[in-house]
């Protein structure tokens, strides 16, 4: 099935998303097939995706300014997509990384520490289950301990309007 062209005049990915959410809110934006944890299919419509990204952007606006960096610690799935696009909406730089494996923390944590230090992250966006495991990592990873941890799953996207626009930092 051929995809329709991007809405005329859209300049950014978020503008395309918002226009699709307005014109075809119930159309399918993403499908994630999960065969490991919860066998089945999860989907997001354009309206759901736009609302989720607004909720993430509003949460970010309360904690960081435009131009700061957010470490995205998500397993594969739709939560990552919503968080990444929420960062774009908020003007926050997304730094994707796979969550460390607690069973192999000595092997997987150094990579994450290096990413966090190099990116000078201000916030960690993740899921509640991963945030709940943060204590096991923070004692060994001061780069992660200095950042604010914000779970994004379960945000109430029905109560969020358009987040206030922040001006880019002046240098």
C-alpha atoms as a PDB file:
ATOM      1  CA  UNK A   1       0.000   0.000   0.000  1.00  0.00           C
ATOM      2  CA  UNK A   2       1.440   3.352  -1.027  1.00  0.00           C
ATOM      3  CA  UNK A   3       1.854   5.994   1.639  1.00  0.00           C
ATOM      4  CA  UNK A   4       0.411   9.429   1.006  1.00  0.00           C
ATOM      5  CA  UNK A   5       2.958  12.188   0.451  1.00  0.00           C
ATOM      6  CA  UNK A   6       3.942  14.445   3.328  1.00  0.00           C
ATOM      7  CA  UNK A   7       1.426  17.228   3.888  1.00  0.00           C
ATOM      8  CA  UNK A   8       2.238  20.192   1.676  1.00  0.00           C
ATOM      9  CA  UNK A   9       4.341  22.826   3.349  1.00  0.00           C
ATOM     10  CA  UNK A  10       5.424  20.723   6.345  1.00  0.00           C
ATOM     11  CA  UNK A  11       8.955  21.586   7.409  1.00  0.00           C
ATOM     12  CA  UNK A  12       9.683  19.230  10.286  1.00  0.00           C
ATOM     13  CA  UNK A  13       8.835  15.693  11.290  1.00  0.00           C
ATOM     14  CA  UNK A  14       6.693  17.057  14.129  1.00  0.00           C
ATOM     15  CA  UNK A  15       4.770  19.267  11.701  1.00  0.00           C
ATOM     16  CA  UNK A  16       4.127  16.229   9.513  1.00  0.00           C
ATOM     17  CA  UNK A  17       2.959  14.273  12.564  1.00  0.00           C
ATOM     18  CA  UNK A  18       0.645  17.064  13.714  1.00  0.00           C
ATOM     19  CA  UNK A  19      -0.846  17.486  10.261  1.00  0.00           C
ATOM     20  CA  UNK A  20      -1.415  13.748   9.912  1.00  0.00           C
ATOM     21  CA  UNK A  21      -2.963  13.647  13.403  1.00  0.00           C
ATOM     22  CA  UNK A  22      -5.323  16.449  12.389  1.00  0.00           C
ATOM     23  CA  UNK A  23      -6.252  15.093   8.953  1.00  0.00           C
ATOM     24  CA  UNK A  24      -6.192  11.313   9.560  1.00  0.00           C
ATOM     25  CA  UNK A  25      -6.178  10.834  13.352  1.00  0.00           C
ATOM     26  CA  UNK A  26      -7.249   7.185  13.315  1.00  0.00           C
ATOM     27  CA  UNK A  27      -4.830   6.040  10.619  1.00  0.00           C
ATOM     28  CA  UNK A  28      -2.081   3.706  11.745  1.00  0.00           C
ATOM     29  CA  UNK A  29       1.232   5.461  12.415  1.00  0.00           C
ATOM     30  CA  UNK A  30       3.256   2.546  13.859  1.00  0.00           C
ATOM     31  CA  UNK A  31       2.899  -1.156  14.528  1.00  0.00           C
ATOM     32  CA  UNK A  32       5.257  -3.043  16.835  1.00  0.00           C
ATOM     33  CA  UNK A  33       5.318  -6.822  16.729  1.00  0.00           C
ATOM     34  CA  UNK A  34       6.392  -8.273  20.060  1.00  0.00           C
ATOM     35  CA  UNK A  35       7.207 -11.969  20.051  1.00  0.00           C
ATOM     36  CA  UNK A  36       9.202 -12.138  23.282  1.00  0.00           C
ATOM     37  CA  UNK A  37       7.579 -10.405  26.249  1.00  0.00           C
ATOM     38  CA  UNK A  38       3.931 -10.053  25.278  1.00  0.00           C
ATOM     39  CA  UNK A  39       3.277 -11.929  22.067  1.00  0.00           C
ATOM     40  CA  UNK A  40       1.138  -9.806  19.840  1.00  0.00           C
ATOM     41  CA  UNK A  41       0.934  -6.520  18.106  1.00  0.00           C
ATOM     42  CA  UNK A  42       0.853  -3.002  19.531  1.00  0.00           C
ATOM     43  CA  UNK A  43      -0.162  -0.044  17.431  1.00  0.00           C
ATOM     44  CA  UNK A  44      -0.305   3.739  17.583  1.00  0.00           C
ATOM     45  CA  UNK A  45      -2.582   5.925  15.512  1.00  0.00           C
ATOM     46  CA  UNK A  46      -1.411   9.365  14.441  1.00  0.00           C
ATOM     47  CA  UNK A  47      -3.640  10.928  17.103  1.00  0.00           C
ATOM     48  CA  UNK A  48      -2.216   8.664  19.825  1.00  0.00           C
ATOM     49  CA  UNK A  49       1.339   9.314  18.673  1.00  0.00           C
ATOM     50  CA  UNK A  50       0.873  13.088  18.590  1.00  0.00           C
ATOM     51  CA  UNK A  51      -0.758  13.077  22.040  1.00  0.00           C
ATOM     52  CA  UNK A  52       2.017  10.899  23.476  1.00  0.00           C
ATOM     53  CA  UNK A  53       4.744  13.129  22.090  1.00  0.00           C
ATOM     54  CA  UNK A  54       3.006  16.196  23.533  1.00  0.00           C
ATOM     55  CA  UNK A  55       2.916  14.516  26.961  1.00  0.00           C
ATOM     56  CA  UNK A  56       6.626  13.693  26.796  1.00  0.00           C
ATOM     57  CA  UNK A  57       7.474  17.208  25.583  1.00  0.00           C
ATOM     58  CA  UNK A  58       5.453  18.763  28.416  1.00  0.00           C
ATOM     59  CA  UNK A  59       7.226  16.539  30.945  1.00  0.00           C
ATOM     60  CA  UNK A  60      10.580  17.531  29.497  1.00  0.00           C
ATOM     61  CA  UNK A  61       9.657  21.241  29.560  1.00  0.00           C
ATOM     62  CA  UNK A  62       9.227  20.970  33.332  1.00  0.00           C
ATOM     63  CA  UNK A  63      12.757  19.617  33.809  1.00  0.00           C
ATOM     64  CA  UNK A  64      15.129  20.716  31.019  1.00  0.00           C
ATOM     65  CA  UNK A  65      15.558  23.510  28.532  1.00  0.00           C
ATOM     66  CA  UNK A  66      15.668  23.325  24.783  1.00  0.00           C
ATOM     67  CA  UNK A  67      19.033  22.116  23.541  1.00  0.00           C
ATOM     68  CA  UNK A  68      19.795  19.923  26.540  1.00  0.00           C
ATOM     69  CA  UNK A  69      20.388  16.227  26.023  1.00  0.00           C
ATOM     70  CA  UNK A  70      18.154  13.352  27.067  1.00  0.00           C
ATOM     71  CA  UNK A  71      19.421   9.795  27.297  1.00  0.00           C
ATOM     72  CA  UNK A  72      16.725   7.446  25.996  1.00  0.00           C
ATOM     73  CA  UNK A  73      16.854   4.077  27.775  1.00  0.00           C
ATOM     74  CA  UNK A  74      14.115   1.943  26.265  1.00  0.00           C
ATOM     75  CA  UNK A  75      13.748  -1.608  25.120  1.00  0.00           C
ATOM     76  CA  UNK A  76      12.635  -1.909  21.486  1.00  0.00           C
ATOM     77  CA  UNK A  77       9.054  -0.744  21.073  1.00  0.00           C
ATOM     78  CA  UNK A  78       6.614   2.106  20.778  1.00  0.00           C
ATOM     79  CA  UNK A  79       7.666   3.840  24.015  1.00  0.00           C
ATOM     80  CA  UNK A  80      11.010   4.624  22.394  1.00  0.00           C
ATOM     81  CA  UNK A  81       9.348   6.138  19.318  1.00  0.00           C
ATOM     82  CA  UNK A  82       7.085   8.342  21.449  1.00  0.00           C
ATOM     83  CA  UNK A  83      10.018   9.501  23.606  1.00  0.00           C
ATOM     84  CA  UNK A  84      12.247  10.232  20.600  1.00  0.00           C
ATOM     85  CA  UNK A  85       9.560  12.297  18.890  1.00  0.00           C
ATOM     86  CA  UNK A  86       8.707  13.952  22.226  1.00  0.00           C
ATOM     87  CA  UNK A  87      12.321  15.116  22.412  1.00  0.00           C
ATOM     88  CA  UNK A  88      12.056  16.571  18.908  1.00  0.00           C
ATOM     89  CA  UNK A  89       8.853  18.365  19.889  1.00  0.00           C
ATOM     90  CA  UNK A  90      10.524  19.820  22.999  1.00  0.00           C
ATOM     91  CA  UNK A  91      13.740  20.823  21.229  1.00  0.00           C
ATOM     92  CA  UNK A  92      15.708  18.386  23.376  1.00  0.00           C
ATOM     93  CA  UNK A  93      18.531  16.353  21.836  1.00  0.00           C
ATOM     94  CA  UNK A  94      17.737  12.643  22.016  1.00  0.00           C
ATOM     95  CA  UNK A  95      20.648  10.309  22.794  1.00  0.00           C
ATOM     96  CA  UNK A  96      19.420   6.734  22.248  1.00  0.00           C
ATOM     97  CA  UNK A  97      21.065   3.869  24.127  1.00  0.00           C
ATOM     98  CA  UNK A  98      20.024   0.342  24.895  1.00  0.00           C
ATOM     99  CA  UNK A  99      19.395  -0.271  28.637  1.00  0.00           C
ATOM    100  CA  UNK A 100      22.162  -2.142  30.437  1.00  0.00           C
ATOM    101  CA  UNK A 101      21.707  -5.808  31.225  1.00  0.00           C
ATOM    102  CA  UNK A 102      21.666  -6.175  35.017  1.00  0.00           C
ATOM    103  CA  UNK A 103      22.852  -9.776  34.717  1.00  0.00           C
ATOM    104  CA  UNK A 104      25.942  -8.474  32.861  1.00  0.00           C
ATOM    105  CA  UNK A 105      26.217  -5.039  34.443  1.00  0.00           C
ATOM    106  CA  UNK A 106      30.026  -5.077  34.592  1.00  0.00           C
ATOM    107  CA  UNK A 107      30.071  -5.545  30.825  1.00  0.00           C
ATOM    108  CA  UNK A 108      27.176  -3.330  29.726  1.00  0.00           C
ATOM    109  CA  UNK A 109      27.376  -0.392  32.149  1.00  0.00           C
ATOM    110  CA  UNK A 110      30.740   1.023  30.960  1.00  0.00           C
ATOM    111  CA  UNK A 111      29.317   1.615  27.465  1.00  0.00           C
ATOM    112  CA  UNK A 112      26.334   3.438  28.933  1.00  0.00           C
ATOM    113  CA  UNK A 113      28.549   5.495  31.244  1.00  0.00           C
ATOM    114  CA  UNK A 114      30.682   6.567  28.283  1.00  0.00           C
ATOM    115  CA  UNK A 115      27.623   7.604  26.278  1.00  0.00           C
ATOM    116  CA  UNK A 116      26.182   9.570  29.219  1.00  0.00           C
ATOM    117  CA  UNK A 117      29.496  11.316  29.901  1.00  0.00           C
ATOM    118  CA  UNK A 118      30.210  12.154  26.248  1.00  0.00           C
ATOM    119  CA  UNK A 119      26.705  13.519  25.698  1.00  0.00           C
ATOM    120  CA  UNK A 120      26.609  15.441  28.989  1.00  0.00           C
ATOM    121  CA  UNK A 121      23.031  14.317  29.558  1.00  0.00           C
ATOM    122  CA  UNK A 122      20.671  16.278  31.760  1.00  0.00           C
ATOM    123  CA  UNK A 123      17.830  13.793  31.892  1.00  0.00           C
ATOM    124  CA  UNK A 124      17.185  10.086  31.396  1.00  0.00           C
ATOM    125  CA  UNK A 125      13.904   9.147  29.738  1.00  0.00           C
ATOM    126  CA  UNK A 126      12.857   5.551  30.276  1.00  0.00           C
ATOM    127  CA  UNK A 127      10.089   3.242  31.410  1.00  0.00           C
ATOM    128  CA  UNK A 128       9.019   2.722  35.006  1.00  0.00           C
ATOM    129  CA  UNK A 129      10.468  -0.812  35.165  1.00  0.00           C
ATOM    130  CA  UNK A 130      13.887   0.409  33.997  1.00  0.00           C
ATOM    131  CA  UNK A 131      13.760   3.452  36.297  1.00  0.00           C
ATOM    132  CA  UNK A 132      13.032   1.040  39.151  1.00  0.00           C
ATOM    133  CA  UNK A 133      16.352  -0.670  38.432  1.00  0.00           C
ATOM    134  CA  UNK A 134      18.291   2.590  38.453  1.00  0.00           C
ATOM    135  CA  UNK A 135      19.518   2.153  42.031  1.00  0.00           C
ATOM    136  CA  UNK A 136      21.470  -0.924  40.946  1.00  0.00           C
ATOM    137  CA  UNK A 137      23.314   1.227  38.390  1.00  0.00           C
ATOM    138  CA  UNK A 138      23.681   4.620  40.033  1.00  0.00           C
ATOM    139  CA  UNK A 139      26.269   3.669  42.631  1.00  0.00           C
ATOM    140  CA  UNK A 140      28.584   2.589  39.817  1.00  0.00           C
ATOM    141  CA  UNK A 141      27.625   5.296  37.318  1.00  0.00           C
ATOM    142  CA  UNK A 142      27.911   8.870  38.582  1.00  0.00           C
ATOM    143  CA  UNK A 143      27.155  10.112  35.039  1.00  0.00           C
ATOM    144  CA  UNK A 144      23.687   8.613  35.392  1.00  0.00           C
ATOM    145  CA  UNK A 145      23.217   9.613  39.022  1.00  0.00           C
ATOM    146  CA  UNK A 146      23.567  13.321  38.183  1.00  0.00           C
ATOM    147  CA  UNK A 147      20.750  13.216  35.639  1.00  0.00           C
ATOM    148  CA  UNK A 148      17.017  13.470  36.378  1.00  0.00           C
ATOM    149  CA  UNK A 149      15.228  10.173  35.696  1.00  0.00           C
ATOM    150  CA  UNK A 150      11.806  10.590  34.089  1.00  0.00           C
ATOM    151  CA  UNK A 151       9.663   7.570  33.279  1.00  0.00           C
ATOM    152  CA  UNK A 152       7.438   8.338  30.319  1.00  0.00           C
ATOM    153  CA  UNK A 153       5.181   5.301  30.240  1.00  0.00           C
ATOM    154  CA  UNK A 154       1.832   6.010  31.815  1.00  0.00           C
ATOM    155  CA  UNK A 155       1.875   9.770  31.203  1.00  0.00           C
ATOM    156  CA  UNK A 156      -1.662  11.122  30.945  1.00  0.00           C
ATOM    157  CA  UNK A 157      -1.662  12.491  27.421  1.00  0.00           C
ATOM    158  CA  UNK A 158      -5.315  13.535  27.645  1.00  0.00           C
ATOM    159  CA  UNK A 159      -4.529  16.387  30.046  1.00  0.00           C
ATOM    160  CA  UNK A 160      -1.669  17.842  28.035  1.00  0.00           C
ATOM    161  CA  UNK A 161      -2.083  20.791  25.734  1.00  0.00           C
ATOM    162  CA  UNK A 162       0.592  22.061  23.452  1.00  0.00           C
ATOM    163  CA  UNK A 163       3.739  22.442  25.558  1.00  0.00           C
ATOM    164  CA  UNK A 164       5.095  25.923  25.938  1.00  0.00           C
ATOM    165  CA  UNK A 165       7.809  26.702  23.457  1.00  0.00           C
ATOM    166  CA  UNK A 166      11.208  27.292  24.939  1.00  0.00           C
ATOM    167  CA  UNK A 167      13.744  29.525  23.347  1.00  0.00           C
ATOM    168  CA  UNK A 168      17.022  27.918  22.363  1.00  0.00           C
ATOM    169  CA  UNK A 169      19.845  28.625  24.783  1.00  0.00           C
ATOM    170  CA  UNK A 170      22.020  31.607  23.942  1.00  0.00           C
ATOM    171  CA  UNK A 171      25.737  31.023  23.852  1.00  0.00           C
END
